[in-house]
């Protein structure tokens, strides 16, 4: 039972030892421990601030990324619409040029055809003239094979063509 009810001397010396340990700890131990705890608290606060800044920076970067995506999408759409418009312009220009070229080729072909037709008609007239002369020559030769008929034709022509 001595353990349950300690003596006054033991309590006295334990109290003095406790106070001495507290004094030594207060003089040499508490300041460094408190300083380490304060540094750790400061470090934790800075880490939390850094995490918050990183979180804000990340949010800002996401917003910028979305803006860049929107901008790139608008630019892409603009480039595509410009390309489509350019394609349509080129096609329209090509169609106009093709029409003009085909019209020019048709006009030149018509001119060549008309020229060839006129040349053919000229040759045809010349051939008809030659055939007519040959036919007339043969008819005259047949009709005027005697000298009486030739003289009669010459007189008749002179009468018809009086020099007035």
N, C-alpha and C. Protein backbone atom coordinates (compact mmCIF):
# COMPACT_ATOMS: atom_id res chain seq x y z
N UNK A 1 0.78 -1.17 0.00
CA UNK A 1 0.00 0.00 0.00
C UNK A 1 0.85 1.27 0.00
N UNK A 2 2.02 1.05 0.14
CA UNK A 2 2.91 2.19 0.11
C UNK A 2 2.94 2.81 -1.29
N UNK A 3 2.66 2.01 -2.24
CA UNK A 3 2.69 2.54 -3.60
C UNK A 3 1.48 3.42 -3.88
N UNK A 4 0.42 3.12 -3.29
CA UNK A 4 -0.79 3.89 -3.54
C UNK A 4 -0.74 5.20 -2.75
N UNK A 5 -0.19 5.23 -1.59
CA UNK A 5 -0.10 6.45 -0.79
C UNK A 5 1.37 6.81 -0.64
N UNK A 6 1.90 7.66 -1.49
CA UNK A 6 3.31 8.00 -1.42
C UNK A 6 3.60 8.94 -0.23
N UNK A 7 4.84 8.97 0.13
CA UNK A 7 5.30 9.82 1.22
C UNK A 7 5.42 11.25 0.73
N UNK A 8 5.50 12.13 1.71
CA UNK A 8 5.63 13.52 1.41
C UNK A 8 6.98 13.80 0.75
N UNK A 9 8.03 13.16 1.07
CA UNK A 9 9.37 13.36 0.54
C UNK A 9 9.44 13.00 -0.93
N UNK A 10 8.79 11.90 -1.26
CA UNK A 10 8.80 11.48 -2.67
C UNK A 10 8.06 12.52 -3.50
N UNK A 11 6.93 13.01 -3.03
CA UNK A 11 6.15 13.99 -3.77
C UNK A 11 6.97 15.27 -3.89
N UNK A 12 7.66 15.67 -2.82
CA UNK A 12 8.46 16.89 -2.83
C UNK A 12 9.55 16.79 -3.87
N UNK A 13 10.32 15.70 -3.86
CA UNK A 13 11.44 15.55 -4.78
C UNK A 13 10.95 15.36 -6.23
N UNK A 14 9.88 14.72 -6.39
CA UNK A 14 9.35 14.58 -7.75
C UNK A 14 8.87 15.93 -8.28
N UNK A 15 8.31 16.75 -7.43
CA UNK A 15 7.86 18.07 -7.83
C UNK A 15 9.06 18.93 -8.17
N UNK A 16 10.12 18.89 -7.36
CA UNK A 16 11.32 19.66 -7.62
C UNK A 16 11.95 19.18 -8.92
N UNK A 17 12.01 17.88 -9.15
CA UNK A 17 12.59 17.33 -10.37
C UNK A 17 11.75 17.78 -11.58
N UNK A 18 10.45 17.74 -11.43
CA UNK A 18 9.57 18.15 -12.51
C UNK A 18 9.78 19.64 -12.81
N UNK A 19 9.87 20.46 -11.76
CA UNK A 19 10.08 21.88 -11.97
C UNK A 19 11.43 22.14 -12.61
N UNK A 20 12.46 21.40 -12.19
CA UNK A 20 13.80 21.53 -12.75
C UNK A 20 13.78 21.14 -14.23
N UNK A 21 13.12 20.04 -14.56
CA UNK A 21 13.03 19.59 -15.95
C UNK A 21 12.25 20.63 -16.77
N UNK A 22 11.19 21.17 -16.18
CA UNK A 22 10.41 22.19 -16.88
C UNK A 22 11.24 23.46 -17.08
N UNK A 23 12.04 23.82 -16.09
CA UNK A 23 12.90 24.98 -16.21
C UNK A 23 13.94 24.77 -17.30
N UNK A 24 14.59 23.62 -17.32
CA UNK A 24 15.61 23.29 -18.32
C UNK A 24 14.96 23.26 -19.72
N UNK A 25 13.82 22.61 -19.79
CA UNK A 25 13.12 22.55 -21.08
C UNK A 25 12.70 23.96 -21.52
N UNK A 26 12.20 24.75 -20.56
CA UNK A 26 11.78 26.12 -20.89
C UNK A 26 12.95 26.96 -21.33
N UNK A 27 14.11 26.78 -20.68
CA UNK A 27 15.28 27.58 -21.00
C UNK A 27 15.92 27.13 -22.30
N UNK A 28 16.02 25.82 -22.53
CA UNK A 28 16.76 25.32 -23.70
C UNK A 28 15.90 24.56 -24.72
N UNK A 29 14.82 24.00 -24.34
CA UNK A 29 14.07 23.12 -25.23
C UNK A 29 12.85 23.72 -25.86
N UNK A 30 12.10 24.51 -25.09
CA UNK A 30 10.84 25.01 -25.61
C UNK A 30 11.02 25.99 -26.77
N UNK A 31 11.99 26.85 -26.65
CA UNK A 31 12.19 27.84 -27.72
C UNK A 31 12.50 27.16 -29.06
N UNK A 32 13.49 26.23 -29.10
CA UNK A 32 13.72 25.57 -30.39
C UNK A 32 12.52 24.75 -30.87
N UNK A 33 11.85 24.09 -29.94
CA UNK A 33 10.68 23.28 -30.33
C UNK A 33 9.58 24.19 -30.87
N UNK A 34 9.33 25.30 -30.12
CA UNK A 34 8.31 26.24 -30.59
C UNK A 34 8.73 26.90 -31.92
N UNK A 35 10.03 27.17 -32.01
CA UNK A 35 10.53 27.75 -33.26
C UNK A 35 10.35 26.76 -34.42
N UNK A 36 10.66 25.52 -34.21
CA UNK A 36 10.47 24.48 -35.24
C UNK A 36 8.99 24.35 -35.59
N UNK A 37 8.14 24.37 -34.56
CA UNK A 37 6.70 24.29 -34.81
C UNK A 37 6.22 25.51 -35.60
N UNK A 38 6.75 26.71 -35.22
CA UNK A 38 6.38 27.93 -35.92
C UNK A 38 6.84 27.86 -37.39
N UNK A 39 8.08 27.37 -37.61
CA UNK A 39 8.59 27.22 -38.98
C UNK A 39 7.72 26.24 -39.76
N UNK A 40 7.36 25.16 -39.11
CA UNK A 40 6.53 24.16 -39.78
C UNK A 40 5.17 24.76 -40.12
N UNK A 41 4.60 25.53 -39.19
CA UNK A 41 3.32 26.17 -39.43
C UNK A 41 3.43 27.15 -40.60
N UNK A 42 4.52 27.93 -40.61
CA UNK A 42 4.76 28.88 -41.70
C UNK A 42 4.93 28.13 -43.02
N UNK A 43 5.69 27.05 -42.98
CA UNK A 43 5.91 26.24 -44.19
C UNK A 43 4.59 25.67 -44.71
N UNK A 44 3.75 25.20 -43.79
CA UNK A 44 2.45 24.64 -44.19
C UNK A 44 1.57 25.74 -44.79
N UNK A 45 1.57 26.94 -44.15
CA UNK A 45 0.78 28.05 -44.69
C UNK A 45 1.27 28.44 -46.09
N UNK A 46 2.59 28.50 -46.26
CA UNK A 46 3.14 28.83 -47.57
C UNK A 46 2.79 27.76 -48.60
N UNK A 47 2.84 26.50 -48.18
CA UNK A 47 2.47 25.42 -49.09
C UNK A 47 1.00 25.53 -49.47
N UNK A 48 0.15 25.87 -48.49
CA UNK A 48 -1.28 26.04 -48.79
C UNK A 48 -1.49 27.23 -49.73
N UNK A 49 -0.77 28.34 -49.48
CA UNK A 49 -0.87 29.50 -50.37
C UNK A 49 -0.38 29.13 -51.77
N UNK A 50 0.75 28.40 -51.83
CA UNK A 50 1.27 27.97 -53.13
C UNK A 50 0.28 27.06 -53.84
N UNK A 51 -0.37 26.16 -53.09
CA UNK A 51 -1.37 25.27 -53.70
C UNK A 51 -2.56 26.09 -54.20
N UNK A 52 -2.97 27.10 -53.43
CA UNK A 52 -4.07 27.95 -53.86
C UNK A 52 -3.69 28.74 -55.10
N UNK A 53 -2.46 29.28 -55.11
CA UNK A 53 -1.98 30.00 -56.29
C UNK A 53 -1.91 29.08 -57.50
N UNK A 54 -1.43 27.86 -57.27
CA UNK A 54 -1.35 26.89 -58.37
C UNK A 54 -2.75 26.56 -58.88
N UNK A 55 -3.69 26.46 -57.94
CA UNK A 55 -5.07 26.17 -58.33
C UNK A 55 -5.63 27.32 -59.17
N UNK A 56 -5.37 28.57 -58.73
CA UNK A 56 -5.82 29.74 -59.49
C UNK A 56 -5.12 29.81 -60.85
N UNK A 57 -3.82 29.52 -60.84
CA UNK A 57 -3.06 29.54 -62.08
C UNK A 57 -3.59 28.48 -63.04
N UNK A 58 -3.91 27.31 -62.50
CA UNK A 58 -4.46 26.23 -63.32
C UNK A 58 -5.81 26.65 -63.90
N UNK A 59 -6.65 27.29 -63.06
CA UNK A 59 -7.96 27.76 -63.56
C UNK A 59 -7.76 28.81 -64.65
N UNK A 60 -6.80 29.70 -64.41
CA UNK A 60 -6.51 30.74 -65.40
C UNK A 60 -6.00 30.11 -66.69
N UNK A 61 -5.13 29.13 -66.58
CA UNK A 61 -4.59 28.46 -67.77
C UNK A 61 -5.70 27.72 -68.51
N UNK A 62 -6.61 27.12 -67.77
CA UNK A 62 -7.74 26.44 -68.43
C UNK A 62 -8.60 27.45 -69.18
N UNK A 63 -8.83 28.61 -68.55
CA UNK A 63 -9.63 29.65 -69.22
C UNK A 63 -8.90 30.12 -70.48
N UNK A 64 -7.60 30.33 -70.37
CA UNK A 64 -6.82 30.76 -71.54
C UNK A 64 -6.83 29.68 -72.62
N UNK A 65 -6.74 28.42 -72.17
CA UNK A 65 -6.76 27.31 -73.13
C UNK A 65 -8.10 27.28 -73.87
N UNK A 66 -9.19 27.49 -73.15
CA UNK A 66 -10.49 27.49 -73.80
C UNK A 66 -10.61 28.68 -74.77
N UNK A 67 -10.07 29.84 -74.35
CA UNK A 67 -10.09 31.00 -75.24
C UNK A 67 -9.28 30.70 -76.50
N UNK A 68 -8.11 30.07 -76.32
CA UNK A 68 -7.28 29.72 -77.48
C UNK A 68 -7.99 28.72 -78.37
N UNK A 69 -8.68 27.75 -77.76
CA UNK A 69 -9.43 26.77 -78.55
C UNK A 69 -10.54 27.46 -79.34
N UNK A 70 -11.25 28.38 -78.68
CA UNK A 70 -12.31 29.11 -79.39
C UNK A 70 -11.72 29.94 -80.53
N UNK A 71 -10.61 30.60 -80.23
CA UNK A 71 -9.95 31.42 -81.25
C UNK A 71 -9.49 30.56 -82.41
N UNK A 72 -8.87 29.42 -82.09
CA UNK A 72 -8.40 28.54 -83.17
C UNK A 72 -9.58 27.97 -83.96
N UNK A 73 -10.68 27.67 -83.28
CA UNK A 73 -11.88 27.19 -83.99
C UNK A 73 -12.43 28.26 -84.92
N UNK A 74 -12.46 29.52 -84.42
CA UNK A 74 -12.94 30.62 -85.29
C UNK A 74 -12.01 30.80 -86.48
N UNK A 75 -10.71 30.75 -86.22
CA UNK A 75 -9.74 30.91 -87.32
C UNK A 75 -9.88 29.75 -88.31
N UNK A 76 -10.05 28.54 -87.78
CA UNK A 76 -10.23 27.38 -88.66
C UNK A 76 -11.47 27.56 -89.51
N UNK A 77 -12.57 27.97 -88.88
CA UNK A 77 -13.81 28.18 -89.63
C UNK A 77 -13.63 29.29 -90.68
N UNK A 78 -12.91 30.34 -90.30
CA UNK A 78 -12.66 31.43 -91.24
C UNK A 78 -11.82 30.94 -92.41
N UNK A 79 -10.78 30.16 -92.10
CA UNK A 79 -9.92 29.63 -93.16
C UNK A 79 -10.72 28.72 -94.08
N UNK A 80 -11.57 27.89 -93.47
CA UNK A 80 -12.38 26.97 -94.29
C UNK A 80 -13.36 27.78 -95.15
N UNK A 81 -14.01 28.79 -94.55
CA UNK A 81 -14.96 29.57 -95.35
C UNK A 81 -14.24 30.35 -96.44
N UNK A 82 -13.04 30.88 -96.12
CA UNK A 82 -12.25 31.57 -97.15
C UNK A 82 -11.85 30.61 -98.27
N UNK A 83 -11.47 29.39 -97.87
CA UNK A 83 -11.07 28.40 -98.87
C UNK A 83 -12.26 28.03 -99.76
N UNK A 84 -13.44 27.87 -99.14
CA UNK A 84 -14.63 27.54 -99.92
C UNK A 84 -14.97 28.69 -100.86
N UNK A 85 -14.90 29.91 -100.34
CA UNK A 85 -15.19 31.08 -101.19
C UNK A 85 -14.17 31.17 -102.32
N UNK A 86 -12.91 30.93 -102.00
CA UNK A 86 -11.86 30.97 -103.02
C UNK A 86 -12.10 29.88 -104.06
N UNK A 87 -12.47 28.69 -103.59
CA UNK A 87 -12.76 27.59 -104.51
C UNK A 87 -13.90 27.97 -105.43
N UNK A 88 -14.97 28.53 -104.84
CA UNK A 88 -16.12 28.94 -105.65
C UNK A 88 -15.74 30.02 -106.66
N UNK A 89 -14.93 30.97 -106.23
CA UNK A 89 -14.47 32.01 -107.15
C UNK A 89 -13.65 31.42 -108.29
N UNK A 90 -12.75 30.51 -107.93
CA UNK A 90 -11.91 29.88 -108.95
C UNK A 90 -12.76 29.07 -109.92
N UNK A 91 -13.73 28.31 -109.37
CA UNK A 91 -14.61 27.53 -110.25
C UNK A 91 -15.42 28.44 -111.15
N UNK A 92 -15.95 29.52 -110.59
CA UNK A 92 -16.75 30.45 -111.39
C UNK A 92 -15.89 31.08 -112.48
N UNK A 93 -14.68 31.50 -112.09
CA UNK A 93 -13.77 32.09 -113.08
C UNK A 93 -13.42 31.08 -114.16
N UNK A 94 -13.16 29.84 -113.74
CA UNK A 94 -12.82 28.80 -114.71
C UNK A 94 -14.01 28.54 -115.65
N UNK A 95 -15.23 28.53 -115.09
CA UNK A 95 -16.40 28.32 -115.94
C UNK A 95 -16.57 29.47 -116.93
N UNK A 96 -16.37 30.69 -116.45
CA UNK A 96 -16.50 31.85 -117.34
C UNK A 96 -15.44 31.77 -118.44
N UNK A 97 -14.21 31.46 -118.04
CA UNK A 97 -13.14 31.36 -119.03
C UNK A 97 -13.42 30.22 -120.01
N UNK A 98 -13.95 29.10 -119.51
CA UNK A 98 -14.27 27.98 -120.39
C UNK A 98 -15.36 28.38 -121.38
N UNK A 99 -16.39 29.11 -120.87
CA UNK A 99 -17.45 29.57 -121.77
C UNK A 99 -16.90 30.52 -122.83
N UNK A 100 -16.05 31.44 -122.37
CA UNK A 100 -15.47 32.39 -123.31
C UNK A 100 -14.61 31.67 -124.35
N UNK A 101 -13.82 30.72 -123.89
CA UNK A 101 -12.97 29.97 -124.81
C UNK A 101 -13.81 29.15 -125.78
N UNK A 102 -14.87 28.50 -125.26
CA UNK A 102 -15.71 27.71 -126.16
C UNK A 102 -16.43 28.62 -127.16
N UNK A 103 -16.90 29.80 -126.68
CA UNK A 103 -17.52 30.75 -127.60
C UNK A 103 -16.54 31.20 -128.67
N UNK A 104 -15.31 31.46 -128.26
CA UNK A 104 -14.28 31.90 -129.20
C UNK A 104 -14.00 30.79 -130.21
N UNK A 105 -13.87 29.55 -129.72
CA UNK A 105 -13.60 28.43 -130.62
C UNK A 105 -14.77 28.23 -131.58
N UNK A 106 -16.01 28.35 -131.06
CA UNK A 106 -17.18 28.21 -131.93
C UNK A 106 -17.22 29.32 -132.97
N UNK A 107 -16.91 30.53 -132.55
CA UNK A 107 -16.92 31.66 -133.48
C UNK A 107 -15.87 31.44 -134.57
N UNK A 108 -14.67 31.04 -134.16
CA UNK A 108 -13.61 30.79 -135.14
C UNK A 108 -14.02 29.64 -136.07
N UNK A 109 -14.65 28.59 -135.50
CA UNK A 109 -15.09 27.47 -136.34
C UNK A 109 -16.14 27.93 -137.34
N UNK A 110 -17.07 28.79 -136.89
CA UNK A 110 -18.10 29.31 -137.80
C UNK A 110 -17.47 30.14 -138.91
N UNK A 111 -16.48 30.96 -138.51
CA UNK A 111 -15.80 31.77 -139.51
C UNK A 111 -15.08 30.88 -140.53
N UNK A 112 -14.42 29.84 -140.04
CA UNK A 112 -13.72 28.93 -140.94
C UNK A 112 -14.72 28.23 -141.85
N UNK A 113 -15.84 27.80 -141.25
CA UNK A 113 -16.87 27.12 -142.05
C UNK A 113 -17.42 28.06 -143.10
N UNK A 114 -17.71 29.32 -142.71
CA UNK A 114 -18.23 30.29 -143.68
C UNK A 114 -17.21 30.56 -144.78
N UNK A 115 -15.94 30.70 -144.39
CA UNK A 115 -14.89 30.92 -145.39
C UNK A 115 -14.81 29.73 -146.35
N UNK A 116 -14.80 28.53 -145.77
CA UNK A 116 -14.74 27.33 -146.60
C UNK A 116 -15.97 27.22 -147.50
N UNK A 117 -17.12 27.61 -146.96
CA UNK A 117 -18.36 27.56 -147.74
C UNK A 117 -18.28 28.54 -148.91
N UNK A 118 -17.78 29.77 -148.63
CA UNK A 118 -17.64 30.75 -149.70
C UNK A 118 -16.66 30.28 -150.75
N UNK A 119 -15.56 29.68 -150.30
CA UNK A 119 -14.57 29.15 -151.25
C UNK A 119 -15.21 28.03 -152.08
N UNK A 120 -15.98 27.15 -151.39
CA UNK A 120 -16.63 26.05 -152.11
C UNK A 120 -17.65 26.59 -153.12
N UNK A 121 -18.44 27.61 -152.70
CA UNK A 121 -19.40 28.20 -153.63
C UNK A 121 -18.69 28.86 -154.81
N UNK A 122 -17.58 29.52 -154.53
CA UNK A 122 -16.79 30.14 -155.61
C UNK A 122 -16.30 29.09 -156.59
N UNK A 123 -15.77 27.99 -156.05
CA UNK A 123 -15.30 26.92 -156.92
C UNK A 123 -16.45 26.31 -157.70
N UNK A 124 -17.60 26.15 -156.99
CA UNK A 124 -18.77 25.59 -157.64
C UNK A 124 -19.24 26.50 -158.79
N UNK A 125 -19.29 27.81 -158.54
CA UNK A 125 -19.69 28.77 -159.59
C UNK A 125 -18.72 28.70 -160.77
N UNK A 126 -17.43 28.63 -160.45
CA UNK A 126 -16.42 28.54 -161.50
C UNK A 126 -16.62 27.26 -162.33
N UNK A 127 -16.87 26.14 -161.63
CA UNK A 127 -17.11 24.88 -162.34
C UNK A 127 -18.37 24.96 -163.20
N UNK A 128 -19.43 25.56 -162.61
CA UNK A 128 -20.67 25.71 -163.37
C UNK A 128 -20.42 26.60 -164.59
N UNK A 129 -19.65 27.67 -164.41
CA UNK A 129 -19.32 28.55 -165.54
C UNK A 129 -18.57 27.79 -166.62
N UNK A 130 -17.56 27.01 -166.17
CA UNK A 130 -16.79 26.23 -167.15
C UNK A 130 -17.68 25.22 -167.87
N UNK A 131 -18.54 24.56 -167.12
CA UNK A 131 -19.45 23.57 -167.75
C UNK A 131 -20.40 24.28 -168.70
N UNK A 132 -20.90 25.46 -168.28
CA UNK A 132 -21.82 26.22 -169.14
C UNK A 132 -21.12 26.65 -170.42
N UNK A 133 -19.88 27.10 -170.30
CA UNK A 133 -19.12 27.51 -171.48
C UNK A 133 -18.92 26.30 -172.38
N UNK A 134 -18.57 25.16 -171.77
CA UNK A 134 -18.35 23.96 -172.59
C UNK A 134 -19.65 23.54 -173.28
N UNK A 135 -20.77 23.59 -172.53
CA UNK A 135 -22.05 23.22 -173.13
C UNK A 135 -22.39 24.20 -174.24
N UNK A 136 -22.20 25.51 -174.00
CA UNK A 136 -22.50 26.51 -175.02
C UNK A 136 -21.60 26.31 -176.23
N UNK A 137 -20.34 26.00 -175.98
CA UNK A 137 -19.40 25.77 -177.08
C UNK A 137 -19.84 24.57 -177.92
N UNK A 138 -20.28 23.52 -177.23
CA UNK A 138 -20.72 22.33 -177.96
C UNK A 138 -22.01 22.62 -178.73
N UNK A 139 -22.91 23.38 -178.09
CA UNK A 139 -24.16 23.73 -178.79
C UNK A 139 -23.87 24.62 -180.00
N UNK A 140 -23.02 25.59 -179.82
CA UNK A 140 -22.68 26.48 -180.94
C UNK A 140 -21.97 25.71 -182.04
N UNK A 141 -21.09 24.84 -181.62
CA UNK A 141 -20.38 24.06 -182.63
C UNK A 141 -21.36 23.20 -183.41
N UNK A 142 -22.36 22.66 -182.74
CA UNK A 142 -23.33 21.81 -183.39
C UNK A 142 -24.25 22.65 -184.28
N UNK A 143 -24.67 23.82 -183.77
CA UNK A 143 -25.59 24.68 -184.51
C UNK A 143 -24.88 25.39 -185.67
N UNK A 144 -23.64 25.74 -185.48
CA UNK A 144 -22.95 26.54 -186.47
C UNK A 144 -21.95 25.70 -187.28
N UNK A 145 -22.28 24.54 -187.58
CA UNK A 145 -21.34 23.70 -188.31
C UNK A 145 -21.29 24.05 -189.81
N UNK A 146 -22.27 24.76 -190.26
CA UNK A 146 -22.22 25.20 -191.66
C UNK A 146 -21.95 26.69 -191.71
N UNK A 147 -21.45 27.17 -192.85
CA UNK A 147 -21.04 28.55 -192.96
C UNK A 147 -22.26 29.48 -193.08
N UNK A 148 -23.33 29.07 -193.66
CA UNK A 148 -24.53 29.89 -193.78
C UNK A 148 -25.10 30.22 -192.41
N UNK A 149 -25.13 29.27 -191.59
CA UNK A 149 -25.68 29.50 -190.25
C UNK A 149 -24.79 30.46 -189.47
N UNK A 150 -23.50 30.41 -189.69
CA UNK A 150 -22.58 31.30 -188.97
C UNK A 150 -22.80 32.73 -189.43
N UNK A 151 -22.96 32.94 -190.70
CA UNK A 151 -23.17 34.29 -191.21
C UNK A 151 -24.51 34.83 -190.74
N UNK A 152 -25.50 34.01 -190.76
CA UNK A 152 -26.83 34.41 -190.30
C UNK A 152 -26.79 34.81 -188.82
N UNK A 153 -26.04 34.09 -188.00
CA UNK A 153 -25.92 34.41 -186.57
C UNK A 153 -25.18 35.72 -186.37
N UNK A 154 -24.15 35.97 -187.15
CA UNK A 154 -23.38 37.20 -187.02
C UNK A 154 -24.27 38.38 -187.41
N UNK A 155 -25.06 38.31 -188.46
CA UNK A 155 -25.95 39.41 -188.85
C UNK A 155 -27.00 39.68 -187.79
N UNK A 156 -27.55 38.64 -187.31
CA UNK A 156 -28.59 38.81 -186.27
C UNK A 156 -28.00 39.46 -185.03
N UNK A 157 -26.81 39.08 -184.64
CA UNK A 157 -26.17 39.68 -183.46
C UNK A 157 -25.83 41.14 -183.71
N UNK A 158 -25.46 41.47 -184.92
CA UNK A 158 -25.13 42.87 -185.24
C UNK A 158 -26.40 43.70 -185.17
N UNK A 159 -27.50 43.17 -185.66
CA UNK A 159 -28.76 43.91 -185.60
C UNK A 159 -29.19 44.13 -184.15
N UNK A 160 -29.02 43.16 -183.36
CA UNK A 160 -29.45 43.26 -181.96
C UNK A 160 -28.55 44.23 -181.17
N UNK A 161 -27.32 44.27 -181.54
CA UNK A 161 -26.39 45.13 -180.80
C UNK A 161 -25.98 46.33 -181.66
N UNK A 162 -26.90 47.21 -181.90
CA UNK A 162 -26.59 48.43 -182.61
C UNK A 162 -25.78 49.34 -181.72
N UNK A 163 -24.84 49.93 -182.28
CA UNK A 163 -24.01 50.86 -181.53
C UNK A 163 -24.72 52.19 -181.45
N UNK A 164 -25.29 52.53 -180.44
CA UNK A 164 -26.07 53.75 -180.30
C UNK A 164 -25.23 54.83 -179.72
